[in-house]
Amino acid sequence: MNQKTEFQKSLETYAFLIVITGFFLMSIVGAAMVTDQNIFSMVPKFSWDMVNSWDEIFNR
């Protein structure tokens, strides 16, 4: 008769999702390491030129 509360059920669900997400991300990192790829070189570089200024927003 040990009933789980809704809080315990939600904590178990969130923990499960975090673990599964961790396995997914680690599999990507592991595949990149095996194939000698640099994951961070595939991410585009951020530039402030990509961000609109307030003048560009209001003068459209």
N, C-alpha and C. Protein backbone atom coordinates (compact mmCIF):
# COMPACT_ATOMS: atom_id res chain seq x y z
N MET A 1 0.81 -1.20 0.00
CA MET A 1 0.00 0.00 0.00
C MET A 1 0.86 1.27 0.00
N ASN A 2 2.05 1.15 -0.52
CA ASN A 2 2.94 2.30 -0.58
C ASN A 2 2.65 3.06 -1.88
N GLN A 3 1.70 3.96 -1.82
CA GLN A 3 1.30 4.74 -2.99
C GLN A 3 2.28 5.89 -3.19
N LYS A 4 2.68 6.09 -4.45
CA LYS A 4 3.54 7.22 -4.77
C LYS A 4 2.69 8.47 -4.94
N THR A 5 3.22 9.57 -4.46
CA THR A 5 2.51 10.83 -4.64
C THR A 5 2.78 11.35 -6.04
N GLU A 6 1.99 12.31 -6.45
CA GLU A 6 2.18 12.91 -7.77
C GLU A 6 3.54 13.58 -7.86
N PHE A 7 4.01 14.15 -6.77
CA PHE A 7 5.33 14.79 -6.75
C PHE A 7 6.43 13.77 -7.01
N GLN A 8 6.35 12.60 -6.38
CA GLN A 8 7.35 11.56 -6.59
C GLN A 8 7.31 11.04 -8.02
N LYS A 9 6.12 10.88 -8.57
CA LYS A 9 5.99 10.43 -9.95
C LYS A 9 6.59 11.44 -10.92
N SER A 10 6.34 12.71 -10.67
CA SER A 10 6.89 13.73 -11.56
C SER A 10 8.41 13.82 -11.44
N LEU A 11 8.95 13.66 -10.23
CA LEU A 11 10.40 13.66 -10.07
C LEU A 11 11.04 12.48 -10.80
N GLU A 12 10.41 11.31 -10.72
CA GLU A 12 10.94 10.14 -11.44
C GLU A 12 10.89 10.37 -12.95
N THR A 13 9.83 10.99 -13.42
CA THR A 13 9.70 11.26 -14.85
C THR A 13 10.77 12.24 -15.31
N TYR A 14 10.96 13.32 -14.57
CA TYR A 14 11.98 14.30 -14.93
C TYR A 14 13.38 13.69 -14.87
N ALA A 15 13.65 12.87 -13.88
CA ALA A 15 14.96 12.22 -13.78
C ALA A 15 15.18 11.29 -14.97
N PHE A 16 14.16 10.54 -15.35
CA PHE A 16 14.26 9.66 -16.51
C PHE A 16 14.53 10.45 -17.77
N LEU A 17 13.82 11.56 -17.97
CA LEU A 17 14.02 12.38 -19.16
C LEU A 17 15.42 12.99 -19.20
N ILE A 18 15.93 13.42 -18.06
CA ILE A 18 17.28 13.98 -18.00
C ILE A 18 18.32 12.92 -18.34
N VAL A 19 18.13 11.70 -17.83
CA VAL A 19 19.07 10.62 -18.13
C VAL A 19 19.04 10.26 -19.61
N ILE A 20 17.85 10.14 -20.18
CA ILE A 20 17.73 9.80 -21.60
C ILE A 20 18.34 10.90 -22.47
N THR A 21 18.11 12.16 -22.11
CA THR A 21 18.70 13.28 -22.85
C THR A 21 20.22 13.25 -22.73
N GLY A 22 20.73 12.93 -21.56
CA GLY A 22 22.17 12.81 -21.37
C GLY A 22 22.76 11.71 -22.23
N PHE A 23 22.10 10.56 -22.29
CA PHE A 23 22.58 9.48 -23.16
C PHE A 23 22.58 9.90 -24.62
N PHE A 24 21.54 10.60 -25.03
CA PHE A 24 21.46 11.06 -26.42
C PHE A 24 22.60 12.00 -26.76
N LEU A 25 22.83 13.00 -25.90
CA LEU A 25 23.89 13.97 -26.15
C LEU A 25 25.27 13.32 -26.08
N MET A 26 25.45 12.39 -25.15
CA MET A 26 26.74 11.71 -25.04
C MET A 26 26.98 10.80 -26.24
N SER A 27 25.93 10.26 -26.83
CA SER A 27 26.12 9.44 -28.03
C SER A 27 26.59 10.31 -29.19
N ILE A 28 26.10 11.54 -29.26
CA ILE A 28 26.56 12.47 -30.30
C ILE A 28 28.03 12.81 -30.08
N VAL A 29 28.39 13.11 -28.84
CA VAL A 29 29.78 13.43 -28.53
C VAL A 29 30.68 12.22 -28.78
N GLY A 30 30.22 11.03 -28.40
CA GLY A 30 31.00 9.82 -28.63
C GLY A 30 31.21 9.54 -30.11
N ALA A 31 30.17 9.72 -30.91
CA ALA A 31 30.30 9.51 -32.35
C ALA A 31 31.27 10.52 -32.96
N ALA A 32 31.25 11.74 -32.45
CA ALA A 32 32.18 12.76 -32.96
C ALA A 32 33.61 12.41 -32.57
N MET A 33 33.82 11.88 -31.39
CA MET A 33 35.16 11.51 -30.96
C MET A 33 35.69 10.33 -31.77
N VAL A 34 34.83 9.37 -32.07
CA VAL A 34 35.25 8.19 -32.83
C VAL A 34 35.63 8.57 -34.25
N THR A 35 34.91 9.53 -34.83
CA THR A 35 35.15 9.92 -36.22
C THR A 35 36.08 11.13 -36.34
N ASP A 36 36.70 11.54 -35.25
CA ASP A 36 37.64 12.67 -35.24
C ASP A 36 37.02 13.96 -35.77
N GLN A 37 35.81 14.24 -35.37
CA GLN A 37 35.13 15.47 -35.75
C GLN A 37 35.13 16.43 -34.56
N ASN A 38 35.18 17.70 -34.85
CA ASN A 38 35.08 18.71 -33.82
C ASN A 38 33.66 19.26 -33.85
N ILE A 39 32.89 18.98 -32.82
CA ILE A 39 31.48 19.38 -32.79
C ILE A 39 31.35 20.90 -32.80
N PHE A 40 32.21 21.58 -32.08
CA PHE A 40 32.08 23.02 -31.95
C PHE A 40 32.44 23.77 -33.23
N SER A 41 33.18 23.15 -34.12
CA SER A 41 33.48 23.80 -35.39
C SER A 41 32.25 23.79 -36.31
N MET A 42 31.28 22.93 -36.03
CA MET A 42 30.07 22.86 -36.84
C MET A 42 29.03 23.89 -36.43
N VAL A 43 29.18 24.44 -35.23
CA VAL A 43 28.24 25.45 -34.73
C VAL A 43 28.62 26.79 -35.34
N PRO A 44 27.65 27.51 -35.92
CA PRO A 44 28.01 28.81 -36.52
C PRO A 44 28.47 29.81 -35.46
N LYS A 45 29.38 30.65 -35.85
CA LYS A 45 29.89 31.68 -34.94
C LYS A 45 28.86 32.79 -34.78
N PHE A 46 28.70 33.28 -33.57
CA PHE A 46 27.75 34.36 -33.31
C PHE A 46 28.40 35.70 -33.59
N SER A 47 27.66 36.55 -34.27
CA SER A 47 28.14 37.89 -34.54
C SER A 47 27.02 38.87 -34.21
N TRP A 48 27.38 39.99 -33.64
CA TRP A 48 26.38 40.98 -33.31
C TRP A 48 25.79 41.61 -34.57
N ASP A 49 26.42 41.41 -35.71
CA ASP A 49 25.85 41.90 -36.96
C ASP A 49 24.56 41.17 -37.32
N MET A 50 24.36 39.98 -36.77
CA MET A 50 23.15 39.21 -37.05
C MET A 50 21.94 39.75 -36.27
N VAL A 51 22.19 40.57 -35.26
CA VAL A 51 21.14 41.09 -34.41
C VAL A 51 20.69 42.45 -34.96
N ASN A 52 19.38 42.62 -35.08
CA ASN A 52 18.84 43.90 -35.57
C ASN A 52 18.99 44.96 -34.50
N SER A 53 19.32 46.17 -34.93
CA SER A 53 19.34 47.28 -34.00
C SER A 53 17.94 47.84 -33.86
N TRP A 54 17.73 48.69 -32.86
CA TRP A 54 16.40 49.27 -32.65
C TRP A 54 16.00 50.15 -33.83
N ASP A 55 16.96 50.83 -34.44
CA ASP A 55 16.66 51.68 -35.61
C ASP A 55 16.14 50.82 -36.77
N GLU A 56 16.75 49.67 -36.98
CA GLU A 56 16.30 48.79 -38.05
C GLU A 56 14.91 48.22 -37.76
N ILE A 57 14.61 47.98 -36.52
CA ILE A 57 13.31 47.43 -36.14
C ILE A 57 12.22 48.46 -36.33
N PHE A 58 12.44 49.69 -35.86
CA PHE A 58 11.39 50.70 -35.91
C PHE A 58 11.24 51.35 -37.28
N ASN A 59 12.28 51.32 -38.12
CA ASN A 59 12.21 51.98 -39.42
C ASN A 59 11.83 51.06 -40.55
N ARG A 60 11.30 49.93 -40.27
CA ARG A 60 10.87 49.00 -41.33
C ARG A 60 9.51 49.33 -41.82
